[in-house]
N, C-alpha and C. Protein backbone atom coordinates (compact mmCIF):
# COMPACT_ATOMS: atom_id res chain seq x y z
N MET A 1 8.82 -15.52 -9.45
CA MET A 1 8.20 -14.54 -8.58
C MET A 1 9.11 -14.26 -7.40
N ASP A 2 9.21 -13.00 -7.06
CA ASP A 2 9.99 -12.59 -5.89
C ASP A 2 9.28 -13.04 -4.63
N ASP A 3 10.07 -13.22 -3.56
CA ASP A 3 9.45 -13.49 -2.27
C ASP A 3 8.68 -12.25 -1.84
N PHE A 4 7.52 -12.45 -1.27
CA PHE A 4 6.69 -11.35 -0.79
C PHE A 4 6.87 -11.25 0.71
N VAL A 5 7.16 -10.05 1.19
CA VAL A 5 7.41 -9.84 2.61
C VAL A 5 6.61 -8.63 3.08
N VAL A 6 5.93 -8.78 4.21
CA VAL A 6 5.23 -7.68 4.86
C VAL A 6 5.73 -7.64 6.30
N GLU A 7 6.30 -6.51 6.68
CA GLU A 7 6.79 -6.35 8.05
C GLU A 7 6.24 -5.05 8.62
N THR A 8 5.87 -5.06 9.88
CA THR A 8 5.43 -3.83 10.55
C THR A 8 6.55 -3.35 11.45
N ARG A 9 7.06 -2.15 11.17
CA ARG A 9 8.12 -1.57 11.98
C ARG A 9 7.56 -1.06 13.30
N ALA A 10 8.44 -0.78 14.23
CA ALA A 10 8.04 -0.28 15.55
C ALA A 10 7.30 1.04 15.46
N ASP A 11 7.59 1.84 14.42
CA ASP A 11 6.91 3.13 14.27
C ASP A 11 5.56 3.01 13.57
N GLY A 12 5.14 1.76 13.27
CA GLY A 12 3.84 1.53 12.67
C GLY A 12 3.83 1.49 11.16
N VAL A 13 4.95 1.82 10.52
CA VAL A 13 5.03 1.77 9.07
C VAL A 13 5.07 0.30 8.63
N ILE A 14 4.26 -0.02 7.62
CA ILE A 14 4.29 -1.37 7.08
C ILE A 14 5.20 -1.37 5.87
N VAL A 15 6.24 -2.19 5.91
CA VAL A 15 7.20 -2.30 4.82
C VAL A 15 6.81 -3.49 3.95
N VAL A 16 6.62 -3.22 2.67
CA VAL A 16 6.15 -4.24 1.73
C VAL A 16 7.22 -4.43 0.66
N SER A 17 7.52 -5.69 0.32
CA SER A 17 8.45 -5.94 -0.77
C SER A 17 8.02 -7.18 -1.54
N GLY A 18 8.39 -7.21 -2.81
CA GLY A 18 8.03 -8.31 -3.69
C GLY A 18 6.93 -7.88 -4.64
N GLU A 19 6.13 -8.83 -5.06
CA GLU A 19 5.05 -8.57 -6.00
C GLU A 19 3.71 -8.60 -5.29
N LEU A 20 2.91 -7.58 -5.51
CA LEU A 20 1.57 -7.51 -4.92
C LEU A 20 0.59 -7.96 -5.98
N ASP A 21 0.16 -9.21 -5.84
CA ASP A 21 -0.72 -9.79 -6.84
C ASP A 21 -1.72 -10.72 -6.17
N ILE A 22 -2.44 -11.47 -6.97
CA ILE A 22 -3.52 -12.32 -6.44
C ILE A 22 -3.00 -13.31 -5.38
N ALA A 23 -1.74 -13.71 -5.50
CA ALA A 23 -1.18 -14.69 -4.56
C ALA A 23 -0.78 -14.06 -3.23
N THR A 24 -0.60 -12.73 -3.19
CA THR A 24 -0.05 -12.10 -1.99
C THR A 24 -0.96 -11.04 -1.37
N VAL A 25 -2.03 -10.72 -2.05
CA VAL A 25 -2.87 -9.61 -1.61
C VAL A 25 -3.51 -9.85 -0.24
N ASP A 26 -3.85 -11.06 0.07
CA ASP A 26 -4.47 -11.35 1.37
C ASP A 26 -3.51 -11.07 2.53
N GLU A 27 -2.24 -11.37 2.31
CA GLU A 27 -1.23 -11.13 3.35
C GLU A 27 -1.10 -9.63 3.64
N LEU A 28 -1.04 -8.82 2.58
CA LEU A 28 -0.95 -7.38 2.77
C LEU A 28 -2.22 -6.85 3.42
N SER A 29 -3.37 -7.29 2.95
CA SER A 29 -4.64 -6.81 3.49
C SER A 29 -4.76 -7.10 4.98
N ALA A 30 -4.37 -8.30 5.38
CA ALA A 30 -4.44 -8.67 6.81
C ALA A 30 -3.52 -7.80 7.65
N ALA A 31 -2.29 -7.57 7.18
CA ALA A 31 -1.35 -6.73 7.93
C ALA A 31 -1.84 -5.30 8.02
N ALA A 32 -2.37 -4.78 6.92
CA ALA A 32 -2.84 -3.39 6.91
C ALA A 32 -4.07 -3.23 7.79
N ARG A 33 -4.99 -4.17 7.75
CA ARG A 33 -6.18 -4.08 8.60
C ARG A 33 -5.81 -4.14 10.08
N ALA A 34 -4.86 -4.98 10.42
CA ALA A 34 -4.40 -5.04 11.81
C ALA A 34 -3.77 -3.71 12.22
N ALA A 35 -3.01 -3.11 11.32
CA ALA A 35 -2.38 -1.82 11.62
C ALA A 35 -3.42 -0.71 11.72
N LEU A 36 -4.49 -0.79 10.94
CA LEU A 36 -5.54 0.23 11.01
C LEU A 36 -6.17 0.27 12.40
N GLU A 37 -6.17 -0.85 13.09
CA GLU A 37 -6.73 -0.92 14.44
C GLU A 37 -5.92 -0.10 15.43
N THR A 38 -4.63 0.08 15.14
CA THR A 38 -3.75 0.73 16.11
C THR A 38 -3.17 2.06 15.61
N THR A 39 -3.43 2.42 14.36
CA THR A 39 -2.84 3.62 13.78
C THR A 39 -3.53 4.86 14.32
N ALA A 40 -2.72 5.84 14.71
CA ALA A 40 -3.26 7.07 15.28
C ALA A 40 -3.89 7.96 14.22
N SER A 41 -3.21 8.19 13.10
CA SER A 41 -3.77 9.11 12.12
C SER A 41 -3.58 8.66 10.67
N THR A 42 -2.42 8.12 10.34
CA THR A 42 -2.15 7.73 8.96
C THR A 42 -1.40 6.41 8.93
N LEU A 43 -1.91 5.49 8.14
CA LEU A 43 -1.21 4.23 7.90
C LEU A 43 -0.28 4.45 6.72
N VAL A 44 1.00 4.13 6.91
CA VAL A 44 1.99 4.31 5.85
C VAL A 44 2.42 2.93 5.37
N LEU A 45 2.30 2.73 4.05
CA LEU A 45 2.80 1.52 3.42
C LEU A 45 4.06 1.90 2.67
N ASP A 46 5.20 1.36 3.08
CA ASP A 46 6.47 1.61 2.41
C ASP A 46 6.56 0.63 1.23
N PHE A 47 6.40 1.17 0.02
CA PHE A 47 6.38 0.36 -1.19
C PHE A 47 7.73 0.34 -1.90
N GLY A 48 8.80 0.72 -1.21
CA GLY A 48 10.12 0.77 -1.82
C GLY A 48 10.59 -0.55 -2.40
N GLY A 49 10.10 -1.65 -1.87
CA GLY A 49 10.50 -2.96 -2.36
C GLY A 49 9.49 -3.64 -3.24
N VAL A 50 8.38 -2.96 -3.55
CA VAL A 50 7.35 -3.56 -4.40
C VAL A 50 7.76 -3.38 -5.87
N THR A 51 7.87 -4.50 -6.58
CA THR A 51 8.34 -4.48 -7.96
C THR A 51 7.23 -4.63 -8.99
N PHE A 52 6.03 -5.04 -8.55
CA PHE A 52 4.93 -5.30 -9.47
C PHE A 52 3.62 -5.25 -8.71
N VAL A 53 2.59 -4.67 -9.32
CA VAL A 53 1.24 -4.67 -8.75
C VAL A 53 0.27 -5.03 -9.87
N ASP A 54 -0.59 -6.02 -9.62
CA ASP A 54 -1.61 -6.35 -10.61
C ASP A 54 -2.95 -5.75 -10.19
N SER A 55 -3.99 -6.04 -10.95
CA SER A 55 -5.31 -5.44 -10.67
C SER A 55 -5.85 -5.86 -9.31
N THR A 56 -5.53 -7.05 -8.87
CA THR A 56 -5.97 -7.50 -7.55
C THR A 56 -5.31 -6.66 -6.46
N GLY A 57 -4.03 -6.39 -6.62
CA GLY A 57 -3.32 -5.54 -5.67
C GLY A 57 -3.85 -4.12 -5.65
N LEU A 58 -4.15 -3.59 -6.84
CA LEU A 58 -4.72 -2.24 -6.92
C LEU A 58 -6.07 -2.18 -6.24
N GLY A 59 -6.89 -3.21 -6.46
CA GLY A 59 -8.20 -3.27 -5.81
C GLY A 59 -8.07 -3.30 -4.29
N ALA A 60 -7.10 -4.05 -3.80
CA ALA A 60 -6.88 -4.12 -2.35
C ALA A 60 -6.46 -2.76 -1.81
N LEU A 61 -5.62 -2.03 -2.53
CA LEU A 61 -5.21 -0.71 -2.08
C LEU A 61 -6.40 0.24 -2.00
N VAL A 62 -7.27 0.18 -2.99
CA VAL A 62 -8.46 1.04 -2.98
C VAL A 62 -9.36 0.67 -1.79
N ARG A 63 -9.56 -0.62 -1.55
CA ARG A 63 -10.39 -1.05 -0.42
C ARG A 63 -9.78 -0.61 0.90
N LEU A 64 -8.47 -0.75 1.03
CA LEU A 64 -7.80 -0.32 2.27
C LEU A 64 -7.91 1.18 2.45
N ARG A 65 -7.81 1.92 1.37
CA ARG A 65 -7.96 3.38 1.45
C ARG A 65 -9.35 3.76 1.94
N LYS A 66 -10.37 3.10 1.38
CA LYS A 66 -11.75 3.37 1.81
C LYS A 66 -11.97 2.99 3.27
N GLU A 67 -11.40 1.87 3.67
CA GLU A 67 -11.53 1.44 5.06
C GLU A 67 -10.85 2.43 6.01
N ALA A 68 -9.67 2.91 5.62
CA ALA A 68 -8.98 3.90 6.44
C ALA A 68 -9.80 5.18 6.54
N GLU A 69 -10.34 5.66 5.43
CA GLU A 69 -11.16 6.86 5.44
C GLU A 69 -12.40 6.68 6.31
N HIS A 70 -13.00 5.50 6.25
CA HIS A 70 -14.18 5.21 7.07
C HIS A 70 -13.85 5.34 8.56
N ARG A 71 -12.61 5.03 8.91
CA ARG A 71 -12.16 5.13 10.31
C ARG A 71 -11.59 6.51 10.63
N GLY A 72 -11.61 7.41 9.65
CA GLY A 72 -11.07 8.74 9.86
C GLY A 72 -9.56 8.80 9.80
N LEU A 73 -8.95 7.82 9.14
CA LEU A 73 -7.50 7.74 9.04
C LEU A 73 -7.06 7.98 7.60
N GLY A 74 -5.80 8.26 7.45
CA GLY A 74 -5.22 8.38 6.12
C GLY A 74 -4.47 7.11 5.77
N LEU A 75 -4.23 6.92 4.49
CA LEU A 75 -3.40 5.82 4.00
C LEU A 75 -2.45 6.41 2.97
N ARG A 76 -1.16 6.21 3.20
CA ARG A 76 -0.15 6.80 2.32
C ARG A 76 0.82 5.73 1.85
N LEU A 77 1.20 5.82 0.58
CA LEU A 77 2.24 4.97 0.03
C LEU A 77 3.53 5.77 -0.03
N ASP A 78 4.59 5.23 0.52
CA ASP A 78 5.91 5.88 0.46
C ASP A 78 6.84 5.02 -0.39
N GLY A 79 7.82 5.68 -1.00
CA GLY A 79 8.89 4.97 -1.70
C GLY A 79 8.43 4.19 -2.92
N VAL A 80 7.39 4.63 -3.57
CA VAL A 80 6.86 3.89 -4.72
C VAL A 80 7.86 3.93 -5.87
N ARG A 81 8.21 2.77 -6.37
CA ARG A 81 9.17 2.64 -7.47
C ARG A 81 8.55 3.10 -8.78
N PRO A 82 9.37 3.52 -9.73
CA PRO A 82 8.84 4.03 -11.01
C PRO A 82 7.92 3.07 -11.74
N GLU A 83 8.22 1.78 -11.73
CA GLU A 83 7.37 0.83 -12.45
C GLU A 83 5.99 0.70 -11.80
N VAL A 84 5.91 0.83 -10.49
CA VAL A 84 4.63 0.80 -9.80
C VAL A 84 3.93 2.15 -9.94
N ARG A 85 4.69 3.24 -9.88
CA ARG A 85 4.12 4.58 -10.07
C ARG A 85 3.45 4.66 -11.44
N ARG A 86 4.06 4.06 -12.44
CA ARG A 86 3.49 4.08 -13.80
C ARG A 86 2.13 3.41 -13.82
N VAL A 87 2.00 2.28 -13.13
CA VAL A 87 0.70 1.58 -13.06
C VAL A 87 -0.33 2.46 -12.36
N LEU A 88 0.06 3.11 -11.27
CA LEU A 88 -0.85 4.01 -10.57
C LEU A 88 -1.27 5.17 -11.48
N ASP A 89 -0.32 5.70 -12.25
CA ASP A 89 -0.63 6.78 -13.19
C ASP A 89 -1.59 6.32 -14.28
N LEU A 90 -1.31 5.17 -14.87
CA LEU A 90 -2.13 4.67 -15.98
C LEU A 90 -3.56 4.34 -15.56
N THR A 91 -3.73 3.94 -14.31
CA THR A 91 -5.06 3.57 -13.83
C THR A 91 -5.79 4.74 -13.18
N GLY A 92 -5.13 5.88 -13.08
CA GLY A 92 -5.75 7.04 -12.45
C GLY A 92 -5.69 7.01 -10.94
N LEU A 93 -5.04 6.01 -10.37
CA LEU A 93 -4.97 5.90 -8.91
C LEU A 93 -3.90 6.79 -8.29
N SER A 94 -3.09 7.41 -9.12
CA SER A 94 -2.09 8.33 -8.57
C SER A 94 -2.75 9.54 -7.93
N GLU A 95 -4.02 9.79 -8.27
CA GLU A 95 -4.74 10.90 -7.65
C GLU A 95 -5.07 10.62 -6.19
N ILE A 96 -5.32 9.34 -5.85
CA ILE A 96 -5.61 9.02 -4.45
C ILE A 96 -4.37 8.54 -3.72
N PHE A 97 -3.33 8.20 -4.48
CA PHE A 97 -2.03 7.81 -3.91
C PHE A 97 -0.95 8.66 -4.58
N PRO A 98 -0.90 9.97 -4.27
CA PRO A 98 0.06 10.84 -4.94
C PRO A 98 1.50 10.53 -4.54
N ASP A 99 2.41 10.89 -5.41
CA ASP A 99 3.83 10.79 -5.12
C ASP A 99 4.13 11.72 -3.95
N GLN A 100 4.90 11.27 -2.99
CA GLN A 100 5.19 12.08 -1.81
C GLN A 100 5.91 13.38 -2.18
N ALA A 101 6.63 13.40 -3.30
CA ALA A 101 7.29 14.63 -3.74
C ALA A 101 6.28 15.69 -4.15
N GLU A 102 5.05 15.25 -4.50
CA GLU A 102 4.01 16.18 -4.93
C GLU A 102 3.28 16.82 -3.75
N LEU A 103 3.44 16.27 -2.56
CA LEU A 103 2.70 16.77 -1.40
C LEU A 103 3.34 18.00 -0.80
C-alpha cells in the first residue's frame, strides 16, 4: 500500500495522495470537514496523487459532497487520474464529480 498523505495548502486546496480506502478514509474525512468550516465557496480536493479508491472512499466522497451542499458550498475533485476516473464512471459518480475538462 502506498503512503497516504493529506495536506491543506495555503489556498485551501486539500492535496490527497495514495490509496483512499477503509484504512485512510477517516483521515481524509477529518481534513475535509475541517476545511469545510473555513471554505468560502468550494472545497477542492486535488486527487492527482490518488491511485486507488474503494467503496469506503467513494462513500466518504458522497457524504462530504452532501455535507458541503448542506452548508451551501461546492466540492470539486481536481486532477483525477484515469484509474480513479474509471471507478467514478463505473459507479455513476462522475455525474456528481465531473471531469474538470467537462466543465
